[in-house]
Amino acid sequence: MKKSETYKLACAVLLIVSSIALAFLQAIQIGDIANGVLIYIAQAFMLAGALFGLDYCIEKLRDAMDK
């Protein structure tokens, strides 16, 4: 695995874990999740999905071009 791929995956996993932890902590402290936290969660999941999906699409395109 290349160094850049490792950074992408680490960033995606960190975003997912941090958004879940933030929602969990706020739900415990306040009993409700604020709109800003929900926006952060949505953006974190979209970026993580884009990072995972982009690598998948690039691999599929490379495989198709090799054939």
C-alpha atoms as a PDB file:
ATOM      1  CA  MET A   1       0.000   0.000   0.000  1.00  0.00           C
ATOM      2  CA  LYS A   2       1.326   3.412  -0.950  1.00  0.00           C
ATOM      3  CA  LYS A   3       1.953   6.083   1.632  1.00  0.00           C
ATOM      4  CA  SER A   4      -0.723   8.357   0.149  1.00  0.00           C
ATOM      5  CA  GLU A   5      -3.308   5.559   0.293  1.00  0.00           C
ATOM      6  CA  THR A   6      -2.460   4.975   3.935  1.00  0.00           C
ATOM      7  CA  TYR A   7      -3.002   8.668   4.676  1.00  0.00           C
ATOM      8  CA  LYS A   8      -6.342   8.660   2.854  1.00  0.00           C
ATOM      9  CA  LEU A   9      -7.602   5.640   4.739  1.00  0.00           C
ATOM     10  CA  ALA A  10      -6.358   6.970   8.076  1.00  0.00           C
ATOM     11  CA  CYS A  11      -8.074  10.302   7.421  1.00  0.00           C
ATOM     12  CA  ALA A  12     -11.345   8.591   6.486  1.00  0.00           C
ATOM     13  CA  VAL A  13     -11.322   6.337   9.529  1.00  0.00           C
ATOM     14  CA  LEU A  14     -10.397   9.236  11.814  1.00  0.00           C
ATOM     15  CA  LEU A  15     -13.286  11.308  10.454  1.00  0.00           C
ATOM     16  CA  ILE A  16     -15.793   8.510  11.006  1.00  0.00           C
ATOM     17  CA  VAL A  17     -14.572   7.752  14.525  1.00  0.00           C
ATOM     18  CA  SER A  18     -14.429  11.414  15.544  1.00  0.00           C
ATOM     19  CA  SER A  19     -17.943  12.126  14.283  1.00  0.00           C
ATOM     20  CA  ILE A  20     -19.390   9.143  16.146  1.00  0.00           C
ATOM     21  CA  ALA A  21     -17.512  10.096  19.313  1.00  0.00           C
ATOM     22  CA  LEU A  22     -18.654  13.712  19.073  1.00  0.00           C
ATOM     23  CA  ALA A  23     -22.290  12.681  18.663  1.00  0.00           C
ATOM     24  CA  PHE A  24     -22.025  10.214  21.534  1.00  0.00           C
ATOM     25  CA  LEU A  25     -20.442  12.755  23.889  1.00  0.00           C
ATOM     26  CA  GLN A  26     -22.987  15.430  23.095  1.00  0.00           C
ATOM     27  CA  ALA A  27     -25.880  13.006  23.474  1.00  0.00           C
ATOM     28  CA  ILE A  28     -24.606  12.042  26.922  1.00  0.00           C
ATOM     29  CA  GLN A  29     -23.920  15.604  28.107  1.00  0.00           C
ATOM     30  CA  ILE A  30     -26.942  17.419  26.708  1.00  0.00           C
ATOM     31  CA  GLY A  31     -29.314  14.630  25.778  1.00  0.00           C
ATOM     32  CA  ASP A  32     -29.674  16.096  22.291  1.00  0.00           C
ATOM     33  CA  ILE A  33     -27.485  16.500  19.234  1.00  0.00           C
ATOM     34  CA  ALA A  34     -27.069  20.037  17.898  1.00  0.00           C
ATOM     35  CA  ASN A  35     -27.420  20.925  14.227  1.00  0.00           C
ATOM     36  CA  GLY A  36     -23.735  21.781  13.936  1.00  0.00           C
ATOM     37  CA  VAL A  37     -22.753  18.315  15.080  1.00  0.00           C
ATOM     38  CA  LEU A  38     -25.143  16.739  12.596  1.00  0.00           C
ATOM     39  CA  ILE A  39     -23.626  18.828   9.820  1.00  0.00           C
ATOM     40  CA  TYR A  40     -20.134  17.731  10.889  1.00  0.00           C
ATOM     41  CA  ILE A  41     -21.231  14.086  10.891  1.00  0.00           C
ATOM     42  CA  ALA A  42     -22.749  14.401   7.423  1.00  0.00           C
ATOM     43  CA  GLN A  43     -19.678  16.112   5.999  1.00  0.00           C
ATOM     44  CA  ALA A  44     -17.320  13.610   7.644  1.00  0.00           C
ATOM     45  CA  PHE A  45     -19.253  10.647   6.245  1.00  0.00           C
ATOM     46  CA  MET A  46     -19.407  12.205   2.785  1.00  0.00           C
ATOM     47  CA  LEU A  47     -15.659  12.868   2.729  1.00  0.00           C
ATOM     48  CA  ALA A  48     -14.846   9.408   4.073  1.00  0.00           C
ATOM     49  CA  GLY A  49     -17.141   7.827   1.496  1.00  0.00           C
ATOM     50  CA  ALA A  50     -15.530   9.877  -1.244  1.00  0.00           C
ATOM     51  CA  LEU A  51     -12.060   8.783  -0.137  1.00  0.00           C
ATOM     52  CA  PHE A  52     -13.046   5.113  -0.046  1.00  0.00           C
ATOM     53  CA  GLY A  53     -15.051   5.343  -3.273  1.00  0.00           C
ATOM     54  CA  LEU A  54     -12.405   7.258  -5.177  1.00  0.00           C
ATOM     55  CA  ASP A  55      -9.786   4.593  -4.528  1.00  0.00           C
ATOM     56  CA  TYR A  56     -12.253   1.896  -5.591  1.00  0.00           C
ATOM     57  CA  CYS A  57     -13.142   3.691  -8.835  1.00  0.00           C
ATOM     58  CA  ILE A  58      -9.505   4.314  -9.714  1.00  0.00           C
ATOM     59  CA  GLU A  59      -8.657   0.641  -9.152  1.00  0.00           C
ATOM     60  CA  LYS A  60     -11.551  -0.460 -11.367  1.00  0.00           C
ATOM     61  CA  LEU A  61     -10.525   1.946 -14.122  1.00  0.00           C
ATOM     62  CA  ARG A  62      -6.934   0.734 -13.990  1.00  0.00           C
ATOM     63  CA  ASP A  63      -8.104  -2.877 -14.198  1.00  0.00           C
ATOM     64  CA  ALA A  64     -10.317  -2.065 -17.167  1.00  0.00           C
ATOM     65  CA  MET A  65      -7.495  -0.250 -18.969  1.00  0.00           C
ATOM     66  CA  ASP A  66      -5.083  -3.146 -18.398  1.00  0.00           C
ATOM     67  CA  LYS A  67      -7.391  -5.626 -20.144  1.00  0.00           C
END
